Amino acid sequence: MKGDRVEIVVDAGDSTKTYEMTATRAGRRLDVAVRRGVVEVSELTRTGTVVRTARFMASRVLALVEQPLDRPEAD
């Protein structure tokens, strides 16, 4: 959903780099997948069409933090 974020911390040799992806529009969501040693974070539309994708080598990823938008509970 809009506002959902994923932060990826990657080993860059002598330091670390932090990347952030955010669902940019209403109805979009973020999907995280690990395939063949690659971590993929994709932004998808409601119909499942990929808008953009970030790829990282799994051996270099130190942390992957999914931060959903705080939503009020429906009663």
PDB file of N, CA and C in Angstrom:
ATOM      1  N   MET A   1       0.835  -1.174   0.000  1.00  0.00           N
ATOM      2  CA  MET A   1       0.000   0.000   0.000  1.00  0.00           C
ATOM      3  C   MET A   1       0.886   1.246   0.000  1.00  0.00           C
ATOM      4  N   LYS A   2       0.346   2.359  -0.444  1.00  0.00           N
ATOM      5  CA  LYS A   2       1.130   3.575  -0.518  1.00  0.00           C
ATOM      6  C   LYS A   2       1.741   3.893   0.837  1.00  0.00           C
ATOM      7  N   GLY A   3       3.020   4.170   0.852  1.00  0.00           N
ATOM      8  CA  GLY A   3       3.731   4.494   2.075  1.00  0.00           C
ATOM      9  C   GLY A   3       4.517   3.338   2.642  1.00  0.00           C
ATOM     10  N   ASP A   4       4.242   2.109   2.200  1.00  0.00           N
ATOM     11  CA  ASP A   4       5.031   0.973   2.651  1.00  0.00           C
ATOM     12  C   ASP A   4       6.470   1.167   2.195  1.00  0.00           C
ATOM     13  N   ARG A   5       7.426   0.760   3.063  1.00  0.00           N
ATOM     14  CA  ARG A   5       8.835   0.948   2.735  1.00  0.00           C
ATOM     15  C   ARG A   5       9.616  -0.326   2.988  1.00  0.00           C
ATOM     16  N   VAL A   6      10.692  -0.476   2.238  1.00  0.00           N
ATOM     17  CA  VAL A   6      11.660  -1.541   2.478  1.00  0.00           C
ATOM     18  C   VAL A   6      13.033  -0.882   2.477  1.00  0.00           C
ATOM     19  N   GLU A   7      13.794  -1.126   3.550  1.00  0.00           N
ATOM     20  CA  GLU A   7      15.167  -0.627   3.638  1.00  0.00           C
ATOM     21  C   GLU A   7      16.108  -1.803   3.462  1.00  0.00           C
ATOM     22  N   ILE A   8      17.128  -1.623   2.629  1.00  0.00           N
ATOM     23  CA  ILE A   8      18.110  -2.663   2.363  1.00  0.00           C
ATOM     24  C   ILE A   8      19.478  -2.114   2.737  1.00  0.00           C
ATOM     25  N   VAL A   9      20.188  -2.814   3.627  1.00  0.00           N
ATOM     26  CA  VAL A   9      21.544  -2.429   4.020  1.00  0.00           C
ATOM     27  C   VAL A   9      22.498  -3.397   3.338  1.00  0.00           C
ATOM     28  N   VAL A  10      23.434  -2.837   2.557  1.00  0.00           N
ATOM     29  CA  VAL A  10      24.331  -3.635   1.728  1.00  0.00           C
ATOM     30  C   VAL A  10      25.779  -3.377   2.130  1.00  0.00           C
ATOM     31  N   ASP A  11      26.578  -4.450   2.172  1.00  0.00           N
ATOM     32  CA  ASP A  11      28.011  -4.349   2.437  1.00  0.00           C
ATOM     33  C   ASP A  11      28.686  -3.793   1.188  1.00  0.00           C
ATOM     34  N   ALA A  12      29.384  -2.673   1.356  1.00  0.00           N
ATOM     35  CA  ALA A  12      30.055  -2.026   0.231  1.00  0.00           C
ATOM     36  C   ALA A  12      31.567  -2.070   0.412  1.00  0.00           C
ATOM     37  N   GLY A  13      32.081  -3.170   0.918  1.00  0.00           N
ATOM     38  CA  GLY A  13      33.519  -3.283   1.125  1.00  0.00           C
ATOM     39  C   GLY A  13      33.918  -2.756   2.480  1.00  0.00           C
ATOM     40  N   ASP A  14      34.394  -1.506   2.538  1.00  0.00           N
ATOM     41  CA  ASP A  14      34.842  -0.932   3.801  1.00  0.00           C
ATOM     42  C   ASP A  14      33.732  -0.188   4.540  1.00  0.00           C
ATOM     43  N   SER A  15      32.540  -0.098   3.973  1.00  0.00           N
ATOM     44  CA  SER A  15      31.416   0.581   4.625  1.00  0.00           C
ATOM     45  C   SER A  15      30.111  -0.102   4.237  1.00  0.00           C
ATOM     46  N   THR A  16      29.012   0.461   4.666  1.00  0.00           N
ATOM     47  CA  THR A  16      27.700  -0.052   4.270  1.00  0.00           C
ATOM     48  C   THR A  16      26.930   1.046   3.561  1.00  0.00           C
ATOM     49  N   LYS A  17      26.006   0.626   2.710  1.00  0.00           N
ATOM     50  CA  LYS A  17      25.123   1.569   2.029  1.00  0.00           C
ATOM     51  C   LYS A  17      23.696   1.150   2.321  1.00  0.00           C
ATOM     52  N   THR A  18      22.843   2.128   2.524  1.00  0.00           N
ATOM     53  CA  THR A  18      21.437   1.871   2.790  1.00  0.00           C
ATOM     54  C   THR A  18      20.602   2.377   1.624  1.00  0.00           C
ATOM     55  N   TYR A  19      19.744   1.515   1.121  1.00  0.00           N
ATOM     56  CA  TYR A  19      18.836   1.859   0.037  1.00  0.00           C
ATOM     57  C   TYR A  19      17.414   1.748   0.568  1.00  0.00           C
ATOM     58  N   GLU A  20      16.527   2.558   0.037  1.00  0.00           N
ATOM     59  CA  GLU A  20      15.141   2.538   0.487  1.00  0.00           C
ATOM     60  C   GLU A  20      14.216   2.566  -0.721  1.00  0.00           C
ATOM     61  N   MET A  21      13.228   1.698  -0.703  1.00  0.00           N
ATOM     62  CA  MET A  21      12.187   1.712  -1.733  1.00  0.00           C
ATOM     63  C   MET A  21      10.861   1.970  -1.045  1.00  0.00           C
ATOM     64  N   THR A  22      10.025   2.792  -1.656  1.00  0.00           N
ATOM     65  CA  THR A  22       8.730   3.151  -1.090  1.00  0.00           C
ATOM     66  C   THR A  22       7.656   2.983  -2.150  1.00  0.00           C
ATOM     67  N   ALA A  23       6.500   2.454  -1.745  1.00  0.00           N
ATOM     68  CA  ALA A  23       5.355   2.383  -2.647  1.00  0.00           C
ATOM     69  C   ALA A  23       4.885   3.822  -2.860  1.00  0.00           C
ATOM     70  N   THR A  24       4.941   4.299  -4.103  1.00  0.00           N
ATOM     71  CA  THR A  24       4.771   5.722  -4.378  1.00  0.00           C
ATOM     72  C   THR A  24       3.352   6.185  -4.615  1.00  0.00           C
ATOM     73  N   ARG A  25       2.453   5.295  -4.983  1.00  0.00           N
ATOM     74  CA  ARG A  25       1.086   5.710  -5.288  1.00  0.00           C
ATOM     75  C   ARG A  25       0.081   4.806  -4.586  1.00  0.00           C
ATOM     76  N   ALA A  26      -1.141   5.288  -4.499  1.00  0.00           N
ATOM     77  CA  ALA A  26      -2.206   4.498  -3.879  1.00  0.00           C
ATOM     78  C   ALA A  26      -2.412   3.209  -4.658  1.00  0.00           C
ATOM     79  N   GLY A  27      -2.563   2.105  -3.947  1.00  0.00           N
ATOM     80  CA  GLY A  27      -2.805   0.816  -4.585  1.00  0.00           C
ATOM     81  C   GLY A  27      -1.551   0.055  -4.948  1.00  0.00           C
ATOM     82  N   ARG A  28      -0.392   0.676  -4.824  1.00  0.00           N
ATOM     83  CA  ARG A  28       0.850  -0.031  -5.128  1.00  0.00           C
ATOM     84  C   ARG A  28       1.402  -0.688  -3.881  1.00  0.00           C
ATOM     85  N   ARG A  29       2.134  -1.775  -4.081  1.00  0.00           N
ATOM     86  CA  ARG A  29       2.713  -2.492  -2.958  1.00  0.00           C
ATOM     87  C   ARG A  29       4.128  -2.910  -3.307  1.00  0.00           C
ATOM     88  N   LEU A  30       4.876  -3.316  -2.289  1.00  0.00           N
ATOM     89  CA  LEU A  30       6.238  -3.785  -2.489  1.00  0.00           C
ATOM     90  C   LEU A  30       6.280  -5.287  -2.279  1.00  0.00           C
ATOM     91  N   ASP A  31       7.037  -5.961  -3.116  1.00  0.00           N
ATOM     92  CA  ASP A  31       7.190  -7.410  -3.042  1.00  0.00           C
ATOM     93  C   ASP A  31       8.677  -7.720  -2.937  1.00  0.00           C
ATOM     94  N   VAL A  32       9.039  -8.593  -1.974  1.00  0.00           N
ATOM     95  CA  VAL A  32      10.429  -8.978  -1.774  1.00  0.00           C
ATOM     96  C   VAL A  32      10.567 -10.450  -2.138  1.00  0.00           C
ATOM     97  N   ALA A  33      11.577 -10.773  -2.964  1.00  0.00           N
ATOM     98  CA  ALA A  33      11.821 -12.157  -3.366  1.00  0.00           C
ATOM     99  C   ALA A  33      13.316 -12.414  -3.401  1.00  0.00           C
ATOM    100  N   VAL A  34      13.687 -13.655  -3.028  1.00  0.00           N
ATOM    101  CA  VAL A  34      15.080 -14.071  -3.115  1.00  0.00           C
ATOM    102  C   VAL A  34      15.139 -15.203  -4.129  1.00  0.00           C
ATOM    103  N   ARG A  35      15.853 -14.979  -5.219  1.00  0.00           N
ATOM    104  CA  ARG A  35      15.954 -15.955  -6.300  1.00  0.00           C
ATOM    105  C   ARG A  35      17.392 -16.057  -6.776  1.00  0.00           C
ATOM    106  N   ARG A  36      17.913 -17.281  -6.798  1.00  0.00           N
ATOM    107  CA  ARG A  36      19.246 -17.550  -7.340  1.00  0.00           C
ATOM    108  C   ARG A  36      20.325 -16.617  -6.806  1.00  0.00           C
ATOM    109  N   GLY A  37      20.296 -16.379  -5.518  1.00  0.00           N
ATOM    110  CA  GLY A  37      21.335 -15.550  -4.913  1.00  0.00           C
ATOM    111  C   GLY A  37      21.155 -14.066  -5.122  1.00  0.00           C
ATOM    112  N   VAL A  38      19.967 -13.646  -5.545  1.00  0.00           N
ATOM    113  CA  VAL A  38      19.684 -12.230  -5.772  1.00  0.00           C
ATOM    114  C   VAL A  38      18.431 -11.850  -4.989  1.00  0.00           C
ATOM    115  N   VAL A  39      18.508 -10.754  -4.252  1.00  0.00           N
ATOM    116  CA  VAL A  39      17.350 -10.221  -3.546  1.00  0.00           C
ATOM    117  C   VAL A  39      16.705  -9.184  -4.458  1.00  0.00           C
ATOM    118  N   GLU A  40      15.411  -9.354  -4.753  1.00  0.00           N
ATOM    119  CA  GLU A  40      14.680  -8.418  -5.612  1.00  0.00           C
ATOM    120  C   GLU A  40      13.581  -7.754  -4.808  1.00  0.00           C
ATOM    121  N   VAL A  41      13.527  -6.435  -4.871  1.00  0.00           N
ATOM    122  CA  VAL A  41      12.444  -5.674  -4.265  1.00  0.00           C
ATOM    123  C   VAL A  41      11.727  -4.978  -5.418  1.00  0.00           C
ATOM    124  N   SER A  42      10.446  -5.305  -5.613  1.00  0.00           N
ATOM    125  CA  SER A  42       9.690  -4.775  -6.742  1.00  0.00           C
ATOM    126  C   SER A  42       8.487  -3.987  -6.262  1.00  0.00           C
ATOM    127  N   GLU A  43       8.186  -2.905  -6.964  1.00  0.00           N
ATOM    128  CA  GLU A  43       6.963  -2.152  -6.722  1.00  0.00           C
ATOM    129  C   GLU A  43       5.937  -2.629  -7.734  1.00  0.00           C
ATOM    130  N   LEU A  44       4.769  -3.053  -7.247  1.00  0.00           N
ATOM    131  CA  LEU A  44       3.733  -3.619  -8.105  1.00  0.00           C
ATOM    132  C   LEU A  44       2.468  -2.782  -8.050  1.00  0.00           C
ATOM    133  N   THR A  45       1.727  -2.782  -9.169  1.00  0.00           N
ATOM    134  CA  THR A  45       0.419  -2.141  -9.198  1.00  0.00           C
ATOM    135  C   THR A  45      -0.613  -3.112  -8.647  1.00  0.00           C
ATOM    136  N   ARG A  46      -1.855  -2.682  -8.602  1.00  0.00           N
ATOM    137  CA  ARG A  46      -2.941  -3.556  -8.116  1.00  0.00           C
ATOM    138  C   ARG A  46      -3.067  -4.824  -8.950  1.00  0.00           C
ATOM    139  N   THR A  47      -2.809  -4.703 -10.240  1.00  0.00           N
ATOM    140  CA  THR A  47      -2.959  -5.852 -11.141  1.00  0.00           C
ATOM    141  C   THR A  47      -1.726  -6.744 -11.182  1.00  0.00           C
ATOM    142  N   GLY A  48      -0.654  -6.344 -10.483  1.00  0.00           N
ATOM    143  CA  GLY A  48       0.554  -7.155 -10.438  1.00  0.00           C
ATOM    144  C   GLY A  48       1.610  -6.782 -11.445  1.00  0.00           C
ATOM    145  N   THR A  49       1.419  -5.697 -12.161  1.00  0.00           N
ATOM    146  CA  THR A  49       2.412  -5.222 -13.121  1.00  0.00           C
ATOM    147  C   THR A  49       3.582  -4.577 -12.368  1.00  0.00           C
ATOM    148  N   VAL A  50       4.791  -4.966 -12.732  1.00  0.00           N
ATOM    149  CA  VAL A  50       5.987  -4.424 -12.073  1.00  0.00           C
ATOM    150  C   VAL A  50       6.262  -3.027 -12.603  1.00  0.00           C
ATOM    151  N   VAL A  51       6.411  -2.076 -11.686  1.00  0.00           N
ATOM    152  CA  VAL A  51       6.710  -0.686 -12.042  1.00  0.00           C
ATOM    153  C   VAL A  51       8.213  -0.461 -12.033  1.00  0.00           C
ATOM    154  N   ARG A  52       8.877  -0.939 -10.982  1.00  0.00           N
ATOM    155  CA  ARG A  52      10.339  -0.827 -10.886  1.00  0.00           C
ATOM    156  C   ARG A  52      10.857  -1.925  -9.971  1.00  0.00           C
ATOM    157  N   THR A  53      12.115  -2.266 -10.149  1.00  0.00           N
ATOM    158  CA  THR A  53      12.738  -3.344  -9.389  1.00  0.00           C
ATOM    159  C   THR A  53      14.149  -2.939  -8.992  1.00  0.00           C
ATOM    160  N   ALA A  54      14.510  -3.275  -7.750  1.00  0.00           N
ATOM    161  CA  ALA A  54      15.888  -3.100  -7.286  1.00  0.00           C
ATOM    162  C   ALA A  54      16.438  -4.492  -7.002  1.00  0.00           C
ATOM    163  N   ARG A  55      17.655  -4.763  -7.470  1.00  0.00           N
ATOM    164  CA  ARG A  55      18.278  -6.079  -7.289  1.00  0.00           C
ATOM    165  C   ARG A  55      19.601  -5.927  -6.550  1.00  0.00           C
ATOM    166  N   PHE A  56      19.829  -6.847  -5.605  1.00  0.00           N
ATOM    167  CA  PHE A  56      21.052  -6.850  -4.809  1.00  0.00           C
ATOM    168  C   PHE A  56      21.550  -8.277  -4.689  1.00  0.00           C
ATOM    169  N   MET A  57      22.875  -8.458  -4.672  1.00  0.00           N
ATOM    170  CA  MET A  57      23.445  -9.787  -4.443  1.00  0.00           C
ATOM    171  C   MET A  57      23.143 -10.199  -3.004  1.00  0.00           C
ATOM    172  N   ALA A  58      22.560 -11.372  -2.827  1.00  0.00           N
ATOM    173  CA  ALA A  58      22.159 -11.824  -1.496  1.00  0.00           C
ATOM    174  C   ALA A  58      23.353 -11.936  -0.549  1.00  0.00           C
ATOM    175  N   SER A  59      24.515 -12.280  -1.069  1.00  0.00           N
ATOM    176  CA  SER A  59      25.700 -12.413  -0.208  1.00  0.00           C
ATOM    177  C   SER A  59      26.167 -11.067   0.336  1.00  0.00           C
ATOM    178  N   ARG A  60      25.743  -9.959  -0.258  1.00  0.00           N
ATOM    179  CA  ARG A  60      26.136  -8.618   0.186  1.00  0.00           C
ATOM    180  C   ARG A  60      25.081  -7.948   1.068  1.00  0.00           C
ATOM    181  N   VAL A  61      23.875  -8.509   1.124  1.00  0.00           N
ATOM    182  CA  VAL A  61      22.802  -7.899   1.906  1.00  0.00           C
ATOM    183  C   VAL A  61      23.010  -8.221   3.380  1.00  0.00           C
ATOM    184  N   LEU A  62      23.129  -7.183   4.198  1.00  0.00           N
ATOM    185  CA  LEU A  62      23.303  -7.349   5.637  1.00  0.00           C
ATOM    186  C   LEU A  62      21.968  -7.339   6.362  1.00  0.00           C
ATOM    187  N   ALA A  63      21.039  -6.502   5.916  1.00  0.00           N
ATOM    188  CA  ALA A  63      19.728  -6.406   6.553  1.00  0.00           C
ATOM    189  C   ALA A  63      18.696  -5.980   5.526  1.00  0.00           C
ATOM    190  N   LEU A  64      17.499  -6.499   5.700  1.00  0.00           N
ATOM    191  CA  LEU A  64      16.375  -6.132   4.855  1.00  0.00           C
ATOM    192  C   LEU A  64      15.199  -5.914   5.800  1.00  0.00           C
ATOM    193  N   VAL A  65      14.745  -4.678   5.907  1.00  0.00           N
ATOM    194  CA  VAL A  65      13.719  -4.311   6.877  1.00  0.00           C
ATOM    195  C   VAL A  65      12.470  -3.858   6.139  1.00  0.00           C
ATOM    196  N   GLU A  66      11.374  -4.590   6.323  1.00  0.00           N
ATOM    197  CA  GLU A  66      10.097  -4.206   5.741  1.00  0.00           C
ATOM    198  C   GLU A  66       9.348  -3.375   6.770  1.00  0.00           C
ATOM    199  N   GLN A  67       8.919  -2.177   6.378  1.00  0.00           N
ATOM    200  CA  GLN A  67       8.234  -1.276   7.289  1.00  0.00           C
ATOM    201  C   GLN A  67       6.884  -0.902   6.705  1.00  0.00           C
ATOM    202  N   PRO A  68       5.837  -1.644   7.089  1.00  0.00           N
ATOM    203  CA  PRO A  68       4.509  -1.305   6.579  1.00  0.00           C
ATOM    204  C   PRO A  68       4.013  -0.001   7.194  1.00  0.00           C
ATOM    205  N   LEU A  69       3.169   0.694   6.469  1.00  0.00           N
ATOM    206  CA  LEU A  69       2.583   1.932   6.952  1.00  0.00           C
ATOM    207  C   LEU A  69       1.655   1.612   8.107  1.00  0.00           C
ATOM    208  N   ASP A  70       1.726   2.397   9.171  1.00  0.00           N
ATOM    209  CA  ASP A  70       0.817   2.185  10.306  1.00  0.00           C
ATOM    210  C   ASP A  70      -0.594   2.543   9.882  1.00  0.00           C
ATOM    211  N   ARG A  71      -1.496   1.575   9.996  1.00  0.00           N
ATOM    212  CA  ARG A  71      -2.885   1.793   9.627  1.00  0.00           C
ATOM    213  C   ARG A  71      -3.753   1.598  10.872  1.00  0.00           C
ATOM    214  N   PRO A  72      -4.768   2.408  11.042  1.00  0.00           N
ATOM    215  CA  PRO A  72      -5.641   2.208  12.199  1.00  0.00           C
ATOM    216  C   PRO A  72      -6.421   0.905  12.043  1.00  0.00           C
ATOM    217  N   GLU A  73      -6.656   0.237  13.176  1.00  0.00           N
ATOM    218  CA  GLU A  73      -7.406  -1.016  13.144  1.00  0.00           C
ATOM    219  C   GLU A  73      -8.882  -0.749  12.905  1.00  0.00           C
ATOM    220  N   ALA A  74      -9.493  -1.551  12.057  1.00  0.00           N
ATOM    221  CA  ALA A  74     -10.928  -1.417  11.783  1.00  0.00           C
ATOM    222  C   ALA A  74     -11.709  -2.219  12.818  1.00  0.00           C
ATOM    223  N   ASP A  75     -12.701  -1.596  13.418  1.00  0.00           N
ATOM    224  CA  ASP A  75     -13.514  -2.299  14.428  1.00  0.00           C
ATOM    225  C   ASP A  75     -14.846  -2.698  13.874  1.00  0.00           C
TER     226      ASP A  75
END
